[in-house]
């Protein structure tokens, strides 16, 4: 990822309080040489399943997912924190996600109906999580 992605992600991640910290787990994309997309996605699914903690609520980000507002995300964040749930947002590789990963998620969300580069999604998600948290705290970061 370009340096701006890491810088942007870290900026929002460091703003989060300890009880709502953001942890990034980055998996290297599967080698595509001589493999069908279906096999690539299956291999990536195995690694994603291994990386997602058993107790986490799986949430898939996909441009075809349900659009979500910052206010809705703030409400979900409040519920997760109240119930002690650890959400895990799953972003696919350039070829997307295996159907099994999408089916294992409790929800599929969209940050935009546009196809976004992974680096931008990383920064946008971190910013939206911070913005959602700021809403729950009546912090002036979010303005209407």
N, C-alpha and C. Protein backbone atom coordinates (compact mmCIF):
# COMPACT_ATOMS: atom_id res chain seq x y z
N UNK A 1 0.84 -1.18 0.00
CA UNK A 1 0.00 0.00 0.00
C UNK A 1 0.89 1.25 0.00
N UNK A 2 0.42 2.27 -0.67
CA UNK A 2 1.18 3.54 -0.65
C UNK A 2 1.24 4.12 0.76
N UNK A 3 2.23 4.96 0.99
CA UNK A 3 2.44 5.55 2.32
C UNK A 3 1.22 6.32 2.80
N UNK A 4 0.49 6.99 1.88
CA UNK A 4 -0.68 7.78 2.29
C UNK A 4 -1.76 6.89 2.91
N UNK A 5 -1.85 5.64 2.46
CA UNK A 5 -2.85 4.72 3.01
C UNK A 5 -2.51 4.42 4.46
N UNK A 6 -1.27 4.07 4.71
CA UNK A 6 -0.84 3.77 6.08
C UNK A 6 -0.99 4.99 6.98
N UNK A 7 -0.59 6.14 6.48
CA UNK A 7 -0.70 7.38 7.25
C UNK A 7 -2.16 7.70 7.58
N UNK A 8 -3.03 7.60 6.57
CA UNK A 8 -4.45 7.88 6.79
C UNK A 8 -5.08 6.91 7.76
N UNK A 9 -4.81 5.63 7.58
CA UNK A 9 -5.36 4.62 8.48
C UNK A 9 -4.89 4.86 9.92
N UNK A 10 -3.59 5.05 10.07
CA UNK A 10 -3.03 5.25 11.41
C UNK A 10 -3.60 6.50 12.09
N UNK A 11 -3.85 7.54 11.31
CA UNK A 11 -4.40 8.78 11.89
C UNK A 11 -5.74 8.52 12.57
N UNK A 12 -6.63 7.81 11.90
CA UNK A 12 -7.95 7.55 12.48
C UNK A 12 -7.89 6.46 13.54
N UNK A 13 -7.06 5.46 13.34
CA UNK A 13 -6.94 4.38 14.32
C UNK A 13 -6.44 4.90 15.65
N UNK A 14 -5.49 5.84 15.63
CA UNK A 14 -4.94 6.36 16.90
C UNK A 14 -5.95 7.24 17.64
N UNK A 15 -6.95 7.75 16.95
CA UNK A 15 -7.97 8.58 17.59
C UNK A 15 -8.98 7.75 18.38
N UNK A 16 -9.07 6.48 18.06
CA UNK A 16 -10.05 5.63 18.72
C UNK A 16 -9.65 5.36 20.16
N UNK A 17 -10.62 5.28 21.07
CA UNK A 17 -10.31 4.97 22.47
C UNK A 17 -9.94 3.49 22.60
N UNK A 18 -9.28 3.12 23.69
CA UNK A 18 -8.88 1.72 23.88
C UNK A 18 -10.04 0.73 23.79
N UNK A 19 -11.22 1.14 24.26
CA UNK A 19 -12.35 0.20 24.25
C UNK A 19 -12.96 0.02 22.86
N UNK A 20 -12.51 0.79 21.89
CA UNK A 20 -13.03 0.66 20.51
C UNK A 20 -11.87 0.75 19.52
N UNK A 21 -10.75 0.17 19.88
CA UNK A 21 -9.58 0.28 19.01
C UNK A 21 -9.78 -0.49 17.71
N UNK A 22 -9.08 -0.05 16.71
CA UNK A 22 -9.14 -0.68 15.39
C UNK A 22 -7.85 -1.48 15.20
N UNK A 23 -8.00 -2.73 14.86
CA UNK A 23 -6.85 -3.59 14.58
C UNK A 23 -6.92 -4.00 13.12
N UNK A 24 -5.84 -3.78 12.41
CA UNK A 24 -5.76 -4.15 11.00
C UNK A 24 -5.02 -5.47 10.86
N UNK A 25 -5.65 -6.41 10.18
CA UNK A 25 -5.00 -7.67 9.84
C UNK A 25 -5.00 -7.73 8.32
N UNK A 26 -3.84 -7.66 7.75
CA UNK A 26 -3.71 -7.63 6.29
C UNK A 26 -3.19 -8.98 5.81
N UNK A 27 -3.91 -9.57 4.88
CA UNK A 27 -3.49 -10.84 4.30
C UNK A 27 -2.96 -10.60 2.90
N UNK A 28 -1.88 -11.26 2.60
CA UNK A 28 -1.30 -11.14 1.27
C UNK A 28 -2.24 -11.81 0.25
N UNK A 29 -2.50 -11.15 -0.88
CA UNK A 29 -3.36 -11.77 -1.89
C UNK A 29 -2.75 -13.09 -2.39
N UNK A 30 -3.61 -13.98 -2.77
CA UNK A 30 -3.19 -15.28 -3.30
C UNK A 30 -2.47 -15.09 -4.63
N UNK A 31 -1.46 -15.90 -4.87
CA UNK A 31 -0.77 -15.89 -6.17
C UNK A 31 -1.75 -16.39 -7.23
N UNK A 32 -1.94 -15.62 -8.29
CA UNK A 32 -2.93 -15.94 -9.31
C UNK A 32 -2.38 -16.75 -10.49
N UNK A 33 -1.08 -16.89 -10.56
CA UNK A 33 -0.46 -17.53 -11.71
C UNK A 33 -0.97 -18.97 -11.87
N UNK A 34 -1.57 -19.23 -13.02
CA UNK A 34 -2.04 -20.56 -13.36
C UNK A 34 -3.25 -21.04 -12.58
N UNK A 35 -3.95 -20.14 -11.92
CA UNK A 35 -5.12 -20.53 -11.12
C UNK A 35 -6.35 -19.80 -11.62
N UNK A 36 -7.48 -20.47 -11.53
CA UNK A 36 -8.75 -19.82 -11.86
C UNK A 36 -9.11 -18.87 -10.72
N UNK A 37 -9.94 -17.88 -11.02
CA UNK A 37 -10.38 -16.95 -9.97
C UNK A 37 -11.11 -17.70 -8.87
N UNK A 38 -11.89 -18.70 -9.25
CA UNK A 38 -12.61 -19.50 -8.25
C UNK A 38 -11.64 -20.15 -7.27
N UNK A 39 -10.55 -20.71 -7.76
CA UNK A 39 -9.57 -21.35 -6.88
C UNK A 39 -8.80 -20.33 -6.05
N UNK A 40 -8.53 -19.17 -6.64
CA UNK A 40 -7.87 -18.10 -5.89
C UNK A 40 -8.75 -17.68 -4.72
N UNK A 41 -10.04 -17.46 -4.98
CA UNK A 41 -10.95 -17.03 -3.93
C UNK A 41 -11.12 -18.11 -2.85
N UNK A 42 -11.12 -19.37 -3.25
CA UNK A 42 -11.22 -20.46 -2.27
C UNK A 42 -10.00 -20.48 -1.36
N UNK A 43 -8.82 -20.30 -1.95
CA UNK A 43 -7.59 -20.27 -1.15
C UNK A 43 -7.59 -19.07 -0.21
N UNK A 44 -8.02 -17.92 -0.71
CA UNK A 44 -8.09 -16.73 0.14
C UNK A 44 -9.11 -16.93 1.26
N UNK A 45 -10.20 -17.62 0.97
CA UNK A 45 -11.23 -17.88 1.98
C UNK A 45 -10.67 -18.68 3.15
N UNK A 46 -9.83 -19.65 2.85
CA UNK A 46 -9.21 -20.45 3.92
C UNK A 46 -8.39 -19.55 4.83
N UNK A 47 -7.61 -18.67 4.23
CA UNK A 47 -6.76 -17.77 5.03
C UNK A 47 -7.59 -16.73 5.78
N UNK A 48 -8.67 -16.24 5.17
CA UNK A 48 -9.55 -15.29 5.87
C UNK A 48 -10.19 -15.98 7.06
N UNK A 49 -10.71 -17.17 6.86
CA UNK A 49 -11.35 -17.91 7.97
C UNK A 49 -10.37 -18.13 9.12
N UNK A 50 -9.12 -18.40 8.79
CA UNK A 50 -8.11 -18.61 9.83
C UNK A 50 -7.78 -17.32 10.57
N UNK A 51 -7.90 -16.18 9.89
CA UNK A 51 -7.53 -14.90 10.49
C UNK A 51 -8.64 -14.26 11.32
N UNK A 52 -9.88 -14.61 11.06
CA UNK A 52 -11.00 -14.01 11.78
C UNK A 52 -11.18 -14.73 13.11
N UNK A 53 -11.13 -13.98 14.21
CA UNK A 53 -11.35 -14.61 15.52
C UNK A 53 -12.72 -15.29 15.59
N UNK A 54 -12.77 -16.40 16.27
CA UNK A 54 -14.01 -17.20 16.33
C UNK A 54 -15.18 -16.41 16.91
N UNK A 55 -14.92 -15.52 17.85
CA UNK A 55 -15.99 -14.79 18.54
C UNK A 55 -16.43 -13.52 17.79
N UNK A 56 -15.73 -13.17 16.71
CA UNK A 56 -16.01 -11.91 16.03
C UNK A 56 -17.28 -11.99 15.18
N UNK A 57 -17.95 -10.85 15.07
CA UNK A 57 -19.08 -10.75 14.15
C UNK A 57 -18.51 -10.37 12.78
N UNK A 58 -18.77 -11.21 11.80
CA UNK A 58 -18.23 -11.01 10.46
C UNK A 58 -19.11 -10.05 9.66
N UNK A 59 -18.46 -9.04 9.10
CA UNK A 59 -19.14 -8.04 8.28
C UNK A 59 -18.35 -7.89 6.99
N UNK A 60 -19.00 -8.11 5.89
CA UNK A 60 -18.33 -8.02 4.59
C UNK A 60 -18.58 -6.65 3.97
N UNK A 61 -17.53 -6.05 3.44
CA UNK A 61 -17.67 -4.82 2.67
C UNK A 61 -17.67 -5.18 1.20
N UNK A 62 -18.70 -4.73 0.51
CA UNK A 62 -18.88 -5.06 -0.90
C UNK A 62 -19.73 -3.96 -1.53
N UNK A 63 -19.38 -3.54 -2.73
CA UNK A 63 -20.15 -2.44 -3.34
C UNK A 63 -21.61 -2.83 -3.60
N UNK A 64 -21.91 -4.12 -3.60
CA UNK A 64 -23.29 -4.56 -3.79
C UNK A 64 -24.01 -4.78 -2.46
N UNK A 65 -23.31 -4.50 -1.37
CA UNK A 65 -23.90 -4.68 -0.04
C UNK A 65 -24.89 -3.57 0.28
N UNK A 66 -25.47 -3.67 1.45
CA UNK A 66 -26.45 -2.69 1.93
C UNK A 66 -25.74 -1.37 2.22
N UNK A 67 -26.21 -0.28 1.63
CA UNK A 67 -25.61 1.02 1.97
C UNK A 67 -25.80 1.29 3.46
N UNK A 68 -24.82 1.93 4.05
CA UNK A 68 -24.89 2.21 5.48
C UNK A 68 -24.52 3.67 5.73
N UNK A 69 -25.27 4.31 6.59
CA UNK A 69 -24.99 5.71 6.93
C UNK A 69 -24.08 5.74 8.16
N UNK A 70 -23.49 6.87 8.39
CA UNK A 70 -22.66 7.04 9.58
C UNK A 70 -23.49 6.87 10.84
N UNK A 71 -24.69 7.39 10.85
CA UNK A 71 -25.58 7.24 12.02
C UNK A 71 -25.91 5.77 12.28
N UNK A 72 -26.16 5.01 11.22
CA UNK A 72 -26.43 3.57 11.39
C UNK A 72 -25.20 2.86 11.94
N UNK A 73 -24.03 3.22 11.44
CA UNK A 73 -22.79 2.63 11.93
C UNK A 73 -22.57 2.99 13.40
N UNK A 74 -22.90 4.22 13.77
CA UNK A 74 -22.77 4.64 15.17
C UNK A 74 -23.69 3.81 16.07
N UNK A 75 -24.90 3.54 15.61
CA UNK A 75 -25.83 2.73 16.40
C UNK A 75 -25.30 1.30 16.54
N UNK A 76 -24.76 0.75 15.45
CA UNK A 76 -24.19 -0.59 15.52
C UNK A 76 -23.00 -0.61 16.48
N UNK A 77 -22.15 0.42 16.42
CA UNK A 77 -20.99 0.51 17.30
C UNK A 77 -21.44 0.54 18.76
N UNK A 78 -22.46 1.31 19.04
CA UNK A 78 -23.02 1.36 20.40
C UNK A 78 -23.47 -0.02 20.84
N UNK A 79 -24.19 -0.71 19.97
CA UNK A 79 -24.68 -2.06 20.30
C UNK A 79 -23.52 -3.03 20.51
N UNK A 80 -22.53 -2.99 19.63
CA UNK A 80 -21.39 -3.89 19.76
C UNK A 80 -20.67 -3.66 21.09
N UNK A 81 -20.46 -2.39 21.42
CA UNK A 81 -19.76 -2.08 22.66
C UNK A 81 -20.58 -2.50 23.89
N UNK A 82 -21.88 -2.27 23.84
CA UNK A 82 -22.76 -2.65 24.96
C UNK A 82 -22.79 -4.16 25.14
N UNK A 83 -22.79 -4.90 24.03
CA UNK A 83 -22.91 -6.35 24.08
C UNK A 83 -21.56 -7.07 24.09
N UNK A 84 -20.47 -6.31 24.02
CA UNK A 84 -19.14 -6.93 24.05
C UNK A 84 -18.81 -7.70 22.78
N UNK A 85 -19.34 -7.24 21.66
CA UNK A 85 -19.10 -7.90 20.37
C UNK A 85 -17.93 -7.24 19.64
N UNK A 86 -17.08 -8.07 19.08
CA UNK A 86 -15.97 -7.56 18.27
C UNK A 86 -16.33 -7.69 16.80
N UNK A 87 -16.60 -6.57 16.13
CA UNK A 87 -16.90 -6.66 14.70
C UNK A 87 -15.62 -6.88 13.91
N UNK A 88 -15.73 -7.62 12.85
CA UNK A 88 -14.60 -7.87 11.95
C UNK A 88 -15.06 -7.55 10.54
N UNK A 89 -14.54 -6.45 10.00
CA UNK A 89 -14.88 -6.04 8.65
C UNK A 89 -13.96 -6.75 7.67
N UNK A 90 -14.53 -7.44 6.71
CA UNK A 90 -13.75 -8.22 5.76
C UNK A 90 -13.82 -7.53 4.40
N UNK A 91 -12.66 -7.21 3.85
CA UNK A 91 -12.54 -6.60 2.53
C UNK A 91 -11.84 -7.61 1.65
N UNK A 92 -12.40 -7.89 0.50
CA UNK A 92 -11.84 -8.89 -0.40
C UNK A 92 -10.63 -8.39 -1.16
N UNK A 93 -10.04 -9.30 -1.88
CA UNK A 93 -8.90 -8.96 -2.75
C UNK A 93 -9.42 -8.32 -4.03
N UNK A 94 -8.56 -8.11 -4.97
CA UNK A 94 -8.95 -7.49 -6.24
C UNK A 94 -10.04 -8.29 -6.96
N UNK A 95 -10.10 -9.58 -6.71
CA UNK A 95 -11.12 -10.44 -7.33
C UNK A 95 -12.36 -10.60 -6.46
N UNK A 96 -12.39 -9.93 -5.32
CA UNK A 96 -13.56 -10.02 -4.46
C UNK A 96 -13.40 -11.05 -3.36
N UNK A 97 -14.51 -11.64 -2.98
CA UNK A 97 -14.54 -12.63 -1.90
C UNK A 97 -15.26 -13.89 -2.37
N UNK A 98 -14.84 -15.01 -1.83
CA UNK A 98 -15.51 -16.28 -2.11
C UNK A 98 -16.95 -16.21 -1.59
N UNK A 99 -17.87 -16.86 -2.29
CA UNK A 99 -19.25 -16.89 -1.80
C UNK A 99 -19.37 -17.39 -0.36
N UNK A 100 -18.51 -18.33 0.04
CA UNK A 100 -18.58 -18.87 1.41
C UNK A 100 -18.29 -17.79 2.45
N UNK A 101 -17.40 -16.86 2.14
CA UNK A 101 -17.10 -15.77 3.07
C UNK A 101 -18.29 -14.82 3.15
N UNK A 102 -18.87 -14.50 2.01
CA UNK A 102 -20.04 -13.62 2.02
C UNK A 102 -21.19 -14.25 2.80
N UNK A 103 -21.38 -15.55 2.63
CA UNK A 103 -22.47 -16.24 3.32
C UNK A 103 -22.22 -16.36 4.82
N UNK A 104 -20.96 -16.36 5.23
CA UNK A 104 -20.64 -16.49 6.65
C UNK A 104 -20.79 -15.17 7.41
N UNK A 105 -20.98 -14.07 6.68
CA UNK A 105 -21.10 -12.76 7.31
C UNK A 105 -22.51 -12.52 7.81
N UNK A 106 -22.61 -11.81 8.93
CA UNK A 106 -23.94 -11.46 9.43
C UNK A 106 -24.56 -10.36 8.59
N UNK A 107 -23.71 -9.53 7.97
CA UNK A 107 -24.19 -8.44 7.11
C UNK A 107 -23.17 -8.17 6.01
N UNK A 108 -23.68 -7.64 4.89
CA UNK A 108 -22.83 -7.16 3.81
C UNK A 108 -23.13 -5.68 3.63
N UNK A 109 -22.10 -4.86 3.80
CA UNK A 109 -22.24 -3.41 3.72
C UNK A 109 -21.54 -2.85 2.50
N UNK A 110 -21.96 -1.66 2.15
CA UNK A 110 -21.33 -0.90 1.09
C UNK A 110 -20.98 0.49 1.61
N UNK A 111 -19.71 0.88 1.43
CA UNK A 111 -19.33 2.25 1.74
C UNK A 111 -19.66 3.17 0.57
N UNK A 112 -19.82 2.57 -0.61
CA UNK A 112 -20.14 3.31 -1.82
C UNK A 112 -20.61 2.32 -2.87
N UNK A 113 -21.43 2.77 -3.79
CA UNK A 113 -21.82 1.90 -4.89
C UNK A 113 -20.73 1.87 -5.97
N UNK A 114 -19.72 2.71 -5.80
CA UNK A 114 -18.56 2.69 -6.71
C UNK A 114 -17.60 1.60 -6.26
N UNK A 115 -16.85 1.07 -7.20
CA UNK A 115 -15.77 0.15 -6.86
C UNK A 115 -14.60 1.01 -6.39
N UNK A 116 -14.13 0.76 -5.17
CA UNK A 116 -13.07 1.58 -4.58
C UNK A 116 -11.79 0.77 -4.45
N UNK A 117 -10.64 1.44 -4.58
CA UNK A 117 -9.38 0.73 -4.35
C UNK A 117 -9.26 0.36 -2.87
N UNK A 118 -8.59 -0.75 -2.62
CA UNK A 118 -8.50 -1.28 -1.27
C UNK A 118 -7.89 -0.29 -0.28
N UNK A 119 -6.89 0.45 -0.71
CA UNK A 119 -6.26 1.42 0.18
C UNK A 119 -7.24 2.49 0.62
N UNK A 120 -8.03 2.95 -0.31
CA UNK A 120 -9.03 3.98 0.00
C UNK A 120 -10.09 3.43 0.94
N UNK A 121 -10.51 2.20 0.72
CA UNK A 121 -11.49 1.56 1.60
C UNK A 121 -10.94 1.48 3.03
N UNK A 122 -9.68 1.14 3.15
CA UNK A 122 -9.05 1.03 4.47
C UNK A 122 -9.14 2.37 5.22
N UNK A 123 -8.78 3.44 4.52
CA UNK A 123 -8.81 4.76 5.15
C UNK A 123 -10.25 5.18 5.42
N UNK A 124 -11.14 4.97 4.44
CA UNK A 124 -12.54 5.38 4.62
C UNK A 124 -13.20 4.63 5.78
N UNK A 125 -12.94 3.34 5.89
CA UNK A 125 -13.55 2.58 6.98
C UNK A 125 -13.04 3.06 8.33
N UNK A 126 -11.74 3.28 8.45
CA UNK A 126 -11.19 3.79 9.71
C UNK A 126 -11.80 5.15 10.05
N UNK A 127 -11.92 6.02 9.05
CA UNK A 127 -12.51 7.34 9.29
C UNK A 127 -13.96 7.21 9.71
N UNK A 128 -14.71 6.35 9.06
CA UNK A 128 -16.13 6.19 9.40
C UNK A 128 -16.31 5.58 10.79
N UNK A 129 -15.43 4.67 11.17
CA UNK A 129 -15.51 4.12 12.52
C UNK A 129 -15.20 5.21 13.56
N UNK A 130 -14.22 6.04 13.27
CA UNK A 130 -13.93 7.15 14.18
C UNK A 130 -15.11 8.13 14.22
N UNK A 131 -15.65 8.45 13.07
CA UNK A 131 -16.79 9.37 12.99
C UNK A 131 -17.99 8.79 13.77
N UNK A 132 -18.24 7.50 13.58
CA UNK A 132 -19.34 6.84 14.30
C UNK A 132 -19.11 6.91 15.80
N UNK A 133 -17.89 6.62 16.23
CA UNK A 133 -17.58 6.71 17.66
C UNK A 133 -17.77 8.14 18.15
N UNK A 134 -17.32 9.13 17.37
CA UNK A 134 -17.46 10.52 17.80
C UNK A 134 -18.94 10.90 17.96
N UNK A 135 -19.79 10.34 17.11
CA UNK A 135 -21.24 10.57 17.25
C UNK A 135 -21.76 10.01 18.57
N UNK A 136 -21.27 8.83 18.95
CA UNK A 136 -21.75 8.22 20.19
C UNK A 136 -21.32 9.01 21.42
N UNK A 137 -20.29 9.83 21.26
CA UNK A 137 -19.74 10.61 22.37
C UNK A 137 -20.15 12.09 22.31
N UNK A 138 -20.99 12.44 21.35
CA UNK A 138 -21.36 13.85 21.13
C UNK A 138 -20.14 14.73 20.89
N UNK A 139 -19.14 14.15 20.29
CA UNK A 139 -17.91 14.87 19.95
C UNK A 139 -18.19 15.73 18.72
N UNK A 140 -17.62 16.91 18.62
CA UNK A 140 -17.94 17.82 17.49
C UNK A 140 -17.34 17.43 16.14
N UNK A 141 -16.61 16.31 16.06
CA UNK A 141 -16.02 15.92 14.77
C UNK A 141 -17.08 15.79 13.67
N UNK A 142 -18.18 15.13 14.01
CA UNK A 142 -19.25 14.94 13.03
C UNK A 142 -20.19 16.13 13.06
N UNK A 143 -20.42 16.70 11.91
CA UNK A 143 -21.34 17.84 11.82
C UNK A 143 -22.45 17.50 10.85
N UNK A 144 -23.62 18.00 11.14
CA UNK A 144 -24.76 17.76 10.24
C UNK A 144 -25.12 19.02 9.50
